[in-house]
ModelCIF file with pLDDT and N, C-alpha, C, O atoms, coordinates in Angstrom:
data_MODEL
#
_entry.id   MODEL 
#
_entity.id                         1 
_entity.type                       polymer 
_entity.pdbx_number_of_molecules   1 
#
_entity_poly.entity_id                      1 
_entity_poly.type                           'polypeptide(L)' 
_entity_poly.nstd_linkage                   no 
_entity_poly.nstd_monomer                   no 
_entity_poly.pdbx_seq_one_letter_code       RHGCSTVQPFEWSEAVYDRDKEPRAHQVMTWAAEFGLKRGYCIPLHYD 
_entity_poly.pdbx_seq_one_letter_code_can   RHGCSTVQPFEWSEAVYDRDKEPRAHQVMTWAAEFGLKRGYCIPLHYD 
_entity_poly.pdbx_strand_id                 A 
#
loop_
_entity_poly_seq.entity_id 
_entity_poly_seq.num 
_entity_poly_seq.mon_id 
_entity_poly_seq.hetero 
1 1  ARG n 
1 2  HIS n 
1 3  GLY n 
1 4  CYS n 
1 5  SER n 
1 6  THR n 
1 7  VAL n 
1 8  GLN n 
1 9  PRO n 
1 10 PHE n 
1 11 GLU n 
1 12 TRP n 
1 13 SER n 
1 14 GLU n 
1 15 ALA n 
1 16 VAL n 
1 17 TYR n 
1 18 ASP n 
1 19 ARG n 
1 20 ASP n 
1 21 LYS n 
1 22 GLU n 
1 23 PRO n 
1 24 ARG n 
1 25 ALA n 
1 26 HIS n 
1 27 GLN n 
1 28 VAL n 
1 29 MET n 
1 30 THR n 
1 31 TRP n 
1 32 ALA n 
1 33 ALA n 
1 34 GLU n 
1 35 PHE n 
1 36 GLY n 
1 37 LEU n 
1 38 LYS n 
1 39 ARG n 
1 40 GLY n 
1 41 TYR n 
1 42 CYS n 
1 43 ILE n 
1 44 PRO n 
1 45 LEU n 
1 46 HIS n 
1 47 TYR n 
1 48 ASP n 
#
_struct_asym.id          A 
_struct_asym.entity_id   1 
#
loop_
_ma_qa_metric.id 
_ma_qa_metric.mode 
_ma_qa_metric.name 
_ma_qa_metric.software_group_id 
_ma_qa_metric.type 
1 global pLDDT . pLDDT 
2 local  pLDDT . pLDDT 
#
_ma_qa_metric_global.metric_id      1 
_ma_qa_metric_global.metric_value   93.98 
_ma_qa_metric_global.model_id       1 
_ma_qa_metric_global.ordinal_id     1 
#
loop_
_ma_qa_metric_local.label_asym_id 
_ma_qa_metric_local.label_comp_id 
_ma_qa_metric_local.label_seq_id 
_ma_qa_metric_local.metric_id 
_ma_qa_metric_local.metric_value 
_ma_qa_metric_local.model_id 
_ma_qa_metric_local.ordinal_id 
A ARG 1  2 93.00 1 1  
A HIS 2  2 95.00 1 2  
A GLY 3  2 93.00 1 3  
A CYS 4  2 90.00 1 4  
A SER 5  2 90.00 1 5  
A THR 6  2 92.00 1 6  
A VAL 7  2 90.00 1 7  
A GLN 8  2 94.00 1 8  
A PRO 9  2 95.00 1 9  
A PHE 10 2 97.00 1 10 
A GLU 11 2 97.00 1 11 
A TRP 12 2 97.00 1 12 
A SER 13 2 96.00 1 13 
A GLU 14 2 97.00 1 14 
A ALA 15 2 96.00 1 15 
A VAL 16 2 94.00 1 16 
A TYR 17 2 95.00 1 17 
A ASP 18 2 95.00 1 18 
A ARG 19 2 93.00 1 19 
A ASP 20 2 94.00 1 20 
A LYS 21 2 95.00 1 21 
A GLU 22 2 96.00 1 22 
A PRO 23 2 96.00 1 23 
A ARG 24 2 96.00 1 24 
A ALA 25 2 96.00 1 25 
A HIS 26 2 96.00 1 26 
A GLN 27 2 97.00 1 27 
A VAL 28 2 97.00 1 28 
A MET 29 2 97.00 1 29 
A THR 30 2 97.00 1 30 
A TRP 31 2 97.00 1 31 
A ALA 32 2 97.00 1 32 
A ALA 33 2 97.00 1 33 
A GLU 34 2 96.00 1 34 
A PHE 35 2 97.00 1 35 
A GLY 36 2 96.00 1 36 
A LEU 37 2 97.00 1 37 
A LYS 38 2 96.00 1 38 
A ARG 39 2 97.00 1 39 
A GLY 40 2 97.00 1 40 
A TYR 41 2 98.00 1 41 
A CYS 42 2 97.00 1 42 
A ILE 43 2 96.00 1 43 
A PRO 44 2 94.00 1 44 
A LEU 45 2 90.00 1 45 
A HIS 46 2 85.00 1 46 
A TYR 47 2 74.00 1 47 
A ASP 48 2 64.00 1 48 
#
loop_
_atom_site.group_PDB 
_atom_site.id 
_atom_site.type_symbol 
_atom_site.label_atom_id 
_atom_site.label_alt_id 
_atom_site.label_comp_id 
_atom_site.label_asym_id 
_atom_site.label_entity_id 
_atom_site.label_seq_id 
_atom_site.pdbx_PDB_ins_code 
_atom_site.Cartn_x 
_atom_site.Cartn_y 
_atom_site.Cartn_z 
_atom_site.occupancy 
_atom_site.B_iso_or_equiv 
_atom_site.pdbx_formal_charge 
_atom_site.auth_seq_id 
_atom_site.auth_comp_id 
_atom_site.auth_asym_id 
_atom_site.auth_atom_id 
_atom_site.pdbx_PDB_model_num 
ATOM 1   N N  . ARG A 1 1  ? -56.221 -24.852 27.036 1.00 93.00 ? 1  ARG A N  1 
ATOM 2   C CA . ARG A 1 1  ? -57.105 -24.023 27.867 1.00 93.00 ? 1  ARG A CA 1 
ATOM 3   C C  . ARG A 1 1  ? -56.368 -23.550 29.122 1.00 93.00 ? 1  ARG A C  1 
ATOM 4   O O  . ARG A 1 1  ? -56.457 -22.385 29.511 1.00 93.00 ? 1  ARG A O  1 
ATOM 5   N N  . HIS A 1 2  ? -55.639 -24.477 29.745 1.00 95.00 ? 2  HIS A N  1 
ATOM 6   C CA . HIS A 1 2  ? -54.861 -24.097 30.920 1.00 95.00 ? 2  HIS A CA 1 
ATOM 7   C C  . HIS A 1 2  ? -53.734 -23.146 30.526 1.00 95.00 ? 2  HIS A C  1 
ATOM 8   O O  . HIS A 1 2  ? -53.378 -22.246 31.286 1.00 95.00 ? 2  HIS A O  1 
ATOM 9   N N  . GLY A 1 3  ? -53.174 -23.351 29.330 1.00 93.00 ? 3  GLY A N  1 
ATOM 10  C CA . GLY A 1 3  ? -52.109 -22.482 28.855 1.00 93.00 ? 3  GLY A CA 1 
ATOM 11  C C  . GLY A 1 3  ? -52.559 -21.039 28.672 1.00 93.00 ? 3  GLY A C  1 
ATOM 12  O O  . GLY A 1 3  ? -51.746 -20.118 28.749 1.00 93.00 ? 3  GLY A O  1 
ATOM 13  N N  . CYS A 1 4  ? -53.855 -20.841 28.430 1.00 90.00 ? 4  CYS A N  1 
ATOM 14  C CA . CYS A 1 4  ? -54.385 -19.480 28.282 1.00 90.00 ? 4  CYS A CA 1 
ATOM 15  C C  . CYS A 1 4  ? -54.410 -18.733 29.610 1.00 90.00 ? 4  CYS A C  1 
ATOM 16  O O  . CYS A 1 4  ? -54.431 -17.502 29.641 1.00 90.00 ? 4  CYS A O  1 
ATOM 17  N N  . SER A 1 5  ? -54.408 -19.486 30.700 1.00 90.00 ? 5  SER A N  1 
ATOM 18  C CA . SER A 1 5  ? -54.618 -18.869 32.011 1.00 90.00 ? 5  SER A CA 1 
ATOM 19  C C  . SER A 1 5  ? -53.361 -18.816 32.877 1.00 90.00 ? 5  SER A C  1 
ATOM 20  O O  . SER A 1 5  ? -53.428 -18.395 34.032 1.00 90.00 ? 5  SER A O  1 
ATOM 21  N N  . THR A 1 6  ? -52.223 -19.235 32.337 1.00 92.00 ? 6  THR A N  1 
ATOM 22  C CA . THR A 1 6  ? -50.993 -19.236 33.132 1.00 92.00 ? 6  THR A CA 1 
ATOM 23  C C  . THR A 1 6  ? -49.795 -18.857 32.279 1.00 92.00 ? 6  THR A C  1 
ATOM 24  O O  . THR A 1 6  ? -49.798 -19.046 31.063 1.00 92.00 ? 6  THR A O  1 
ATOM 25  N N  . VAL A 1 7  ? -48.780 -18.324 32.926 1.00 90.00 ? 7  VAL A N  1 
ATOM 26  C CA . VAL A 1 7  ? -47.523 -18.028 32.229 1.00 90.00 ? 7  VAL A CA 1 
ATOM 27  C C  . VAL A 1 7  ? -46.453 -19.035 32.624 1.00 90.00 ? 7  VAL A C  1 
ATOM 28  O O  . VAL A 1 7  ? -45.328 -18.972 32.127 1.00 90.00 ? 7  VAL A O  1 
ATOM 29  N N  . GLN A 1 8  ? -46.796 -19.967 33.518 1.00 94.00 ? 8  GLN A N  1 
ATOM 30  C CA . GLN A 1 8  ? -45.842 -20.947 34.006 1.00 94.00 ? 8  GLN A CA 1 
ATOM 31  C C  . GLN A 1 8  ? -45.935 -22.261 33.222 1.00 94.00 ? 8  GLN A C  1 
ATOM 32  O O  . GLN A 1 8  ? -47.039 -22.713 32.920 1.00 94.00 ? 8  GLN A O  1 
ATOM 33  N N  . PRO A 1 9  ? -44.801 -22.879 32.890 1.00 95.00 ? 9  PRO A N  1 
ATOM 34  C CA . PRO A 1 9  ? -44.848 -24.201 32.276 1.00 95.00 ? 9  PRO A CA 1 
ATOM 35  C C  . PRO A 1 9  ? -45.542 -25.192 33.206 1.00 95.00 ? 9  PRO A C  1 
ATOM 36  O O  . PRO A 1 9  ? -45.508 -25.037 34.427 1.00 95.00 ? 9  PRO A O  1 
ATOM 37  N N  . PHE A 1 10 ? -46.164 -26.196 32.629 1.00 97.00 ? 10 PHE A N  1 
ATOM 38  C CA . PHE A 1 10 ? -46.896 -27.155 33.451 1.00 97.00 ? 10 PHE A CA 1 
ATOM 39  C C  . PHE A 1 10 ? -46.942 -28.522 32.777 1.00 97.00 ? 10 PHE A C  1 
ATOM 40  O O  . PHE A 1 10 ? -46.854 -28.633 31.554 1.00 97.00 ? 10 PHE A O  1 
ATOM 41  N N  . GLU A 1 11 ? -47.078 -29.543 33.586 1.00 97.00 ? 11 GLU A N  1 
ATOM 42  C CA . GLU A 1 11 ? -47.297 -30.880 33.057 1.00 97.00 ? 11 GLU A CA 1 
ATOM 43  C C  . GLU A 1 11 ? -48.766 -31.034 32.698 1.00 97.00 ? 11 GLU A C  1 
ATOM 44  O O  . GLU A 1 11 ? -49.628 -30.382 33.287 1.00 97.00 ? 11 GLU A O  1 
ATOM 45  N N  . TRP A 1 12 ? -49.049 -31.894 31.734 1.00 97.00 ? 12 TRP A N  1 
ATOM 46  C CA . TRP A 1 12 ? -50.423 -32.080 31.301 1.00 97.00 ? 12 TRP A CA 1 
ATOM 47  C C  . TRP A 1 12 ? -51.344 -32.442 32.466 1.00 97.00 ? 12 TRP A C  1 
ATOM 48  O O  . TRP A 1 12 ? -52.508 -32.043 32.494 1.00 97.00 ? 12 TRP A O  1 
ATOM 49  N N  . SER A 1 13 ? -50.820 -33.187 33.409 1.00 96.00 ? 13 SER A N  1 
ATOM 50  C CA . SER A 1 13 ? -51.641 -33.619 34.540 1.00 96.00 ? 13 SER A CA 1 
ATOM 51  C C  . SER A 1 13 ? -52.136 -32.443 35.381 1.00 96.00 ? 13 SER A C  1 
ATOM 52  O O  . SER A 1 13 ? -53.084 -32.585 36.154 1.00 96.00 ? 13 SER A O  1 
ATOM 53  N N  . GLU A 1 14 ? -51.502 -31.293 35.230 1.00 97.00 ? 14 GLU A N  1 
ATOM 54  C CA . GLU A 1 14 ? -51.923 -30.105 35.975 1.00 97.00 ? 14 GLU A CA 1 
ATOM 55  C C  . GLU A 1 14 ? -53.071 -29.369 35.292 1.00 97.00 ? 14 GLU A C  1 
ATOM 56  O O  . GLU A 1 14 ? -53.661 -28.463 35.879 1.00 97.00 ? 14 GLU A O  1 
ATOM 57  N N  . ALA A 1 15 ? -53.388 -29.748 34.067 1.00 96.00 ? 15 ALA A N  1 
ATOM 58  C CA . ALA A 1 15 ? -54.513 -29.138 33.343 1.00 96.00 ? 15 ALA A CA 1 
ATOM 59  C C  . ALA A 1 15 ? -55.784 -29.898 33.723 1.00 96.00 ? 15 ALA A C  1 
ATOM 60  O O  . ALA A 1 15 ? -56.230 -30.794 33.007 1.00 96.00 ? 15 ALA A O  1 
ATOM 61  N N  . VAL A 1 16 ? -56.345 -29.523 34.851 1.00 94.00 ? 16 VAL A N  1 
ATOM 62  C CA . VAL A 1 16 ? -57.451 -30.292 35.423 1.00 94.00 ? 16 VAL A CA 1 
ATOM 63  C C  . VAL A 1 16 ? -58.759 -30.028 34.685 1.00 94.00 ? 16 VAL A C  1 
ATOM 64  O O  . VAL A 1 16 ? -58.946 -28.981 34.066 1.00 94.00 ? 16 VAL A O  1 
ATOM 65  N N  . TYR A 1 17 ? -59.647 -30.997 34.767 1.00 95.00 ? 17 TYR A N  1 
ATOM 66  C CA . TYR A 1 17 ? -60.988 -30.891 34.184 1.00 95.00 ? 17 TYR A CA 1 
ATOM 67  C C  . TYR A 1 17 ? -61.894 -31.879 34.910 1.00 95.00 ? 17 TYR A C  1 
ATOM 68  O O  . TYR A 1 17 ? -61.410 -32.773 35.604 1.00 95.00 ? 17 TYR A O  1 
ATOM 69  N N  . ASP A 1 18 ? -63.183 -31.723 34.756 1.00 95.00 ? 18 ASP A N  1 
ATOM 70  C CA . ASP A 1 18 ? -64.178 -32.594 35.385 1.00 95.00 ? 18 ASP A CA 1 
ATOM 71  C C  . ASP A 1 18 ? -64.592 -33.677 34.395 1.00 95.00 ? 18 ASP A C  1 
ATOM 72  O O  . ASP A 1 18 ? -65.235 -33.379 33.389 1.00 95.00 ? 18 ASP A O  1 
ATOM 73  N N  . ARG A 1 19 ? -64.237 -34.914 34.666 1.00 93.00 ? 19 ARG A N  1 
ATOM 74  C CA . ARG A 1 19 ? -64.530 -36.007 33.738 1.00 93.00 ? 19 ARG A CA 1 
ATOM 75  C C  . ARG A 1 19 ? -66.025 -36.149 33.456 1.00 93.00 ? 19 ARG A C  1 
ATOM 76  O O  . ARG A 1 19 ? -66.429 -36.452 32.333 1.00 93.00 ? 19 ARG A O  1 
ATOM 77  N N  . ASP A 1 20 ? -66.845 -35.923 34.497 1.00 94.00 ? 20 ASP A N  1 
ATOM 78  C CA . ASP A 1 20 ? -68.286 -36.102 34.341 1.00 94.00 ? 20 ASP A CA 1 
ATOM 79  C C  . ASP A 1 20 ? -68.912 -34.949 33.565 1.00 94.00 ? 20 ASP A C  1 
ATOM 80  O O  . ASP A 1 20 ? -69.780 -35.160 32.718 1.00 94.00 ? 20 ASP A O  1 
ATOM 81  N N  . LYS A 1 21 ? -68.467 -33.727 33.861 1.00 95.00 ? 21 LYS A N  1 
ATOM 82  C CA . LYS A 1 21 ? -69.050 -32.561 33.207 1.00 95.00 ? 21 LYS A CA 1 
ATOM 83  C C  . LYS A 1 21 ? -68.384 -32.236 31.878 1.00 95.00 ? 21 LYS A C  1 
ATOM 84  O O  . LYS A 1 21 ? -68.959 -31.536 31.045 1.00 95.00 ? 21 LYS A O  1 
ATOM 85  N N  . GLU A 1 22 ? -67.163 -32.749 31.678 1.00 96.00 ? 22 GLU A N  1 
ATOM 86  C CA . GLU A 1 22 ? -66.423 -32.460 30.440 1.00 96.00 ? 22 GLU A CA 1 
ATOM 87  C C  . GLU A 1 22 ? -65.952 -33.765 29.789 1.00 96.00 ? 22 GLU A C  1 
ATOM 88  O O  . GLU A 1 22 ? -64.750 -34.027 29.730 1.00 96.00 ? 22 GLU A O  1 
ATOM 89  N N  . PRO A 1 23 ? -66.880 -34.573 29.306 1.00 96.00 ? 23 PRO A N  1 
ATOM 90  C CA . PRO A 1 23 ? -66.490 -35.856 28.707 1.00 96.00 ? 23 PRO A CA 1 
ATOM 91  C C  . PRO A 1 23 ? -65.614 -35.702 27.470 1.00 96.00 ? 23 PRO A C  1 
ATOM 92  O O  . PRO A 1 23 ? -64.787 -36.568 27.184 1.00 96.00 ? 23 PRO A O  1 
ATOM 93  N N  . ARG A 1 24 ? -65.792 -34.604 26.733 1.00 96.00 ? 24 ARG A N  1 
ATOM 94  C CA . ARG A 1 24 ? -64.977 -34.406 25.540 1.00 96.00 ? 24 ARG A CA 1 
ATOM 95  C C  . ARG A 1 24 ? -63.527 -34.099 25.913 1.00 96.00 ? 24 ARG A C  1 
ATOM 96  O O  . ARG A 1 24 ? -62.603 -34.524 25.219 1.00 96.00 ? 24 ARG A O  1 
ATOM 97  N N  . ALA A 1 25 ? -63.327 -33.370 26.992 1.00 96.00 ? 25 ALA A N  1 
ATOM 98  C CA . ALA A 1 25 ? -61.970 -33.098 27.460 1.00 96.00 ? 25 ALA A CA 1 
ATOM 99  C C  . ALA A 1 25 ? -61.290 -34.403 27.850 1.00 96.00 ? 25 ALA A C  1 
ATOM 100 O O  . ALA A 1 25 ? -60.119 -34.622 27.540 1.00 96.00 ? 25 ALA A O  1 
ATOM 101 N N  . HIS A 1 26 ? -62.033 -35.263 28.531 1.00 96.00 ? 26 HIS A N  1 
ATOM 102 C CA . HIS A 1 26 ? -61.484 -36.565 28.920 1.00 96.00 ? 26 HIS A CA 1 
ATOM 103 C C  . HIS A 1 26 ? -61.187 -37.415 27.683 1.00 96.00 ? 26 HIS A C  1 
ATOM 104 O O  . HIS A 1 26 ? -60.219 -38.174 27.657 1.00 96.00 ? 26 HIS A O  1 
ATOM 105 N N  . GLN A 1 27 ? -62.022 -37.278 26.674 1.00 97.00 ? 27 GLN A N  1 
ATOM 106 C CA . GLN A 1 27 ? -61.816 -38.025 25.424 1.00 97.00 ? 27 GLN A CA 1 
ATOM 107 C C  . GLN A 1 27 ? -60.511 -37.611 24.750 1.00 97.00 ? 27 GLN A C  1 
ATOM 108 O O  . GLN A 1 27 ? -59.789 -38.459 24.224 1.00 97.00 ? 27 GLN A O  1 
ATOM 109 N N  . VAL A 1 28 ? -60.203 -36.314 24.761 1.00 97.00 ? 28 VAL A N  1 
ATOM 110 C CA . VAL A 1 28 ? -58.945 -35.836 24.172 1.00 97.00 ? 28 VAL A CA 1 
ATOM 111 C C  . VAL A 1 28 ? -57.761 -36.528 24.829 1.00 97.00 ? 28 VAL A C  1 
ATOM 112 O O  . VAL A 1 28 ? -56.892 -37.071 24.147 1.00 97.00 ? 28 VAL A O  1 
ATOM 113 N N  . MET A 1 29 ? -57.732 -36.506 26.162 1.00 97.00 ? 29 MET A N  1 
ATOM 114 C CA . MET A 1 29 ? -56.595 -37.041 26.890 1.00 97.00 ? 29 MET A CA 1 
ATOM 115 C C  . MET A 1 29 ? -56.512 -38.566 26.740 1.00 97.00 ? 29 MET A C  1 
ATOM 116 O O  . MET A 1 29 ? -55.414 -39.117 26.658 1.00 97.00 ? 29 MET A O  1 
ATOM 117 N N  . THR A 1 30 ? -57.647 -39.241 26.704 1.00 97.00 ? 30 THR A N  1 
ATOM 118 C CA . THR A 1 30 ? -57.675 -40.692 26.557 1.00 97.00 ? 30 THR A CA 1 
ATOM 119 C C  . THR A 1 30 ? -57.177 -41.108 25.185 1.00 97.00 ? 30 THR A C  1 
ATOM 120 O O  . THR A 1 30 ? -56.363 -42.023 25.062 1.00 97.00 ? 30 THR A O  1 
ATOM 121 N N  . TRP A 1 31 ? -57.669 -40.433 24.157 1.00 97.00 ? 31 TRP A N  1 
ATOM 122 C CA . TRP A 1 31 ? -57.248 -40.774 22.795 1.00 97.00 ? 31 TRP A CA 1 
ATOM 123 C C  . TRP A 1 31 ? -55.778 -40.423 22.574 1.00 97.00 ? 31 TRP A C  1 
ATOM 124 O O  . TRP A 1 31 ? -55.068 -41.151 21.881 1.00 97.00 ? 31 TRP A O  1 
ATOM 125 N N  . ALA A 1 32 ? -55.319 -39.322 23.151 1.00 97.00 ? 32 ALA A N  1 
ATOM 126 C CA . ALA A 1 32 ? -53.906 -38.959 23.017 1.00 97.00 ? 32 ALA A CA 1 
ATOM 127 C C  . ALA A 1 32 ? -53.024 -40.067 23.586 1.00 97.00 ? 32 ALA A C  1 
ATOM 128 O O  . ALA A 1 32 ? -51.999 -40.414 22.999 1.00 97.00 ? 32 ALA A O  1 
ATOM 129 N N  . ALA A 1 33 ? -53.424 -40.618 24.729 1.00 97.00 ? 33 ALA A N  1 
ATOM 130 C CA . ALA A 1 33 ? -52.647 -41.690 25.359 1.00 97.00 ? 33 ALA A CA 1 
ATOM 131 C C  . ALA A 1 33 ? -52.557 -42.913 24.459 1.00 97.00 ? 33 ALA A C  1 
ATOM 132 O O  . ALA A 1 33 ? -51.556 -43.629 24.480 1.00 97.00 ? 33 ALA A O  1 
ATOM 133 N N  . GLU A 1 34 ? -53.597 -43.155 23.670 1.00 96.00 ? 34 GLU A N  1 
ATOM 134 C CA . GLU A 1 34 ? -53.594 -44.293 22.753 1.00 96.00 ? 34 GLU A CA 1 
ATOM 135 C C  . GLU A 1 34 ? -52.547 -44.132 21.654 1.00 96.00 ? 34 GLU A C  1 
ATOM 136 O O  . GLU A 1 34 ? -52.142 -45.111 21.028 1.00 96.00 ? 34 GLU A O  1 
ATOM 137 N N  . PHE A 1 35 ? -52.114 -42.900 21.424 1.00 97.00 ? 35 PHE A N  1 
ATOM 138 C CA . PHE A 1 35 ? -51.057 -42.631 20.441 1.00 97.00 ? 35 PHE A CA 1 
ATOM 139 C C  . PHE A 1 35 ? -49.700 -42.493 21.116 1.00 97.00 ? 35 PHE A C  1 
ATOM 140 O O  . PHE A 1 35 ? -48.744 -42.017 20.504 1.00 97.00 ? 35 PHE A O  1 
ATOM 141 N N  . GLY A 1 36 ? -49.614 -42.908 22.371 1.00 96.00 ? 36 GLY A N  1 
ATOM 142 C CA . GLY A 1 36 ? -48.347 -42.849 23.100 1.00 96.00 ? 36 GLY A CA 1 
ATOM 143 C C  . GLY A 1 36 ? -48.080 -41.512 23.763 1.00 96.00 ? 36 GLY A C  1 
ATOM 144 O O  . GLY A 1 36 ? -46.999 -41.293 24.309 1.00 96.00 ? 36 GLY A O  1 
ATOM 145 N N  . LEU A 1 37 ? -49.058 -40.616 23.720 1.00 97.00 ? 37 LEU A N  1 
ATOM 146 C CA . LEU A 1 37 ? -48.895 -39.292 24.334 1.00 97.00 ? 37 LEU A CA 1 
ATOM 147 C C  . LEU A 1 37 ? -49.513 -39.348 25.729 1.00 97.00 ? 37 LEU A C  1 
ATOM 148 O O  . LEU A 1 37 ? -50.577 -38.782 25.978 1.00 97.00 ? 37 LEU A O  1 
ATOM 149 N N  . LYS A 1 38 ? -48.826 -40.039 26.626 1.00 96.00 ? 38 LYS A N  1 
ATOM 150 C CA . LYS A 1 38 ? -49.379 -40.317 27.952 1.00 96.00 ? 38 LYS A CA 1 
ATOM 151 C C  . LYS A 1 38 ? -49.009 -39.264 28.987 1.00 96.00 ? 38 LYS A C  1 
ATOM 152 O O  . LYS A 1 38 ? -49.766 -39.006 29.922 1.00 96.00 ? 38 LYS A O  1 
ATOM 153 N N  . ARG A 1 39 ? -47.858 -38.669 28.814 1.00 97.00 ? 39 ARG A N  1 
ATOM 154 C CA . ARG A 1 39 ? -47.421 -37.639 29.761 1.00 97.00 ? 39 ARG A CA 1 
ATOM 155 C C  . ARG A 1 39 ? -46.818 -36.491 28.973 1.00 97.00 ? 39 ARG A C  1 
ATOM 156 O O  . ARG A 1 39 ? -45.969 -36.697 28.106 1.00 97.00 ? 39 ARG A O  1 
ATOM 157 N N  . GLY A 1 40 ? -47.259 -35.289 29.279 1.00 97.00 ? 40 GLY A N  1 
ATOM 158 C CA . GLY A 1 40 ? -46.799 -34.158 28.501 1.00 97.00 ? 40 GLY A CA 1 
ATOM 159 C C  . GLY A 1 40 ? -46.348 -32.984 29.339 1.00 97.00 ? 40 GLY A C  1 
ATOM 160 O O  . GLY A 1 40 ? -46.620 -32.901 30.537 1.00 97.00 ? 40 GLY A O  1 
ATOM 161 N N  . TYR A 1 41 ? -45.659 -32.088 28.683 1.00 98.00 ? 41 TYR A N  1 
ATOM 162 C CA . TYR A 1 41 ? -45.138 -30.873 29.311 1.00 98.00 ? 41 TYR A CA 1 
ATOM 163 C C  . TYR A 1 41 ? -45.431 -29.718 28.359 1.00 98.00 ? 41 TYR A C  1 
ATOM 164 O O  . TYR A 1 41 ? -45.175 -29.817 27.159 1.00 98.00 ? 41 TYR A O  1 
ATOM 165 N N  . CYS A 1 42 ? -45.963 -28.634 28.889 1.00 97.00 ? 42 CYS A N  1 
ATOM 166 C CA . CYS A 1 42 ? -46.410 -27.523 28.044 1.00 97.00 ? 42 CYS A CA 1 
ATOM 167 C C  . CYS A 1 42 ? -45.801 -26.215 28.513 1.00 97.00 ? 42 CYS A C  1 
ATOM 168 O O  . CYS A 1 42 ? -45.789 -25.912 29.706 1.00 97.00 ? 42 CYS A O  1 
ATOM 169 N N  . ILE A 1 43 ? -45.296 -25.443 27.559 1.00 96.00 ? 43 ILE A N  1 
ATOM 170 C CA . ILE A 1 43 ? -44.740 -24.117 27.847 1.00 96.00 ? 43 ILE A CA 1 
ATOM 171 C C  . ILE A 1 43 ? -45.631 -23.085 27.159 1.00 96.00 ? 43 ILE A C  1 
ATOM 172 O O  . ILE A 1 43 ? -45.622 -22.992 25.932 1.00 96.00 ? 43 ILE A O  1 
ATOM 173 N N  . PRO A 1 44 ? -46.403 -22.303 27.929 1.00 94.00 ? 44 PRO A N  1 
ATOM 174 C CA . PRO A 1 44 ? -47.227 -21.247 27.320 1.00 94.00 ? 44 PRO A CA 1 
ATOM 175 C C  . PRO A 1 44 ? -46.411 -19.984 27.106 1.00 94.00 ? 44 PRO A C  1 
ATOM 176 O O  . PRO A 1 44 ? -45.530 -19.661 27.904 1.00 94.00 ? 44 PRO A O  1 
ATOM 177 N N  . LEU A 1 45 ? -46.704 -19.276 26.035 1.00 90.00 ? 45 LEU A N  1 
ATOM 178 C CA . LEU A 1 45 ? -46.038 -18.009 25.739 1.00 90.00 ? 45 LEU A CA 1 
ATOM 179 C C  . LEU A 1 45 ? -47.107 -16.948 25.516 1.00 90.00 ? 45 LEU A C  1 
ATOM 180 O O  . LEU A 1 45 ? -48.095 -17.193 24.823 1.00 90.00 ? 45 LEU A O  1 
ATOM 181 N N  . HIS A 1 46 ? -46.914 -15.788 26.095 1.00 85.00 ? 46 HIS A N  1 
ATOM 182 C CA . HIS A 1 46 ? -47.888 -14.710 25.942 1.00 85.00 ? 46 HIS A CA 1 
ATOM 183 C C  . HIS A 1 46 ? -47.164 -13.454 25.480 1.00 85.00 ? 46 HIS A C  1 
ATOM 184 O O  . HIS A 1 46 ? -46.354 -12.879 26.207 1.00 85.00 ? 46 HIS A O  1 
ATOM 185 N N  . TYR A 1 47 ? -47.479 -13.035 24.237 1.00 74.00 ? 47 TYR A N  1 
ATOM 186 C CA . TYR A 1 47 ? -46.918 -11.818 23.687 1.00 74.00 ? 47 TYR A CA 1 
ATOM 187 C C  . TYR A 1 47 ? -47.938 -10.691 23.828 1.00 74.00 ? 47 TYR A C  1 
ATOM 188 O O  . TYR A 1 47 ? -49.073 -10.932 24.239 1.00 74.00 ? 47 TYR A O  1 
ATOM 189 N N  . ASP A 1 48 ? -47.545 -9.470  23.493 1.00 64.00 ? 48 ASP A N  1 
ATOM 190 C CA . ASP A 1 48 ? -48.466 -8.348  23.592 1.00 64.00 ? 48 ASP A CA 1 
ATOM 191 C C  . ASP A 1 48 ? -49.691 -8.536  22.708 1.00 64.00 ? 48 ASP A C  1 
ATOM 192 O O  . ASP A 1 48 ? -50.569 -7.674  22.678 1.00 64.00 ? 48 ASP A O  1 
#
């Protein structure tokens, strides 16, 4: 979602969300960490 709104690479921690209002978003990040995906880096690409 954050990748859709930026052209700059970012760490996962920069993809902010509201834990209370977006429990499913928090669930994604929590479950990912359980698989060892605790810290990430994302490069968005935007073509025509």
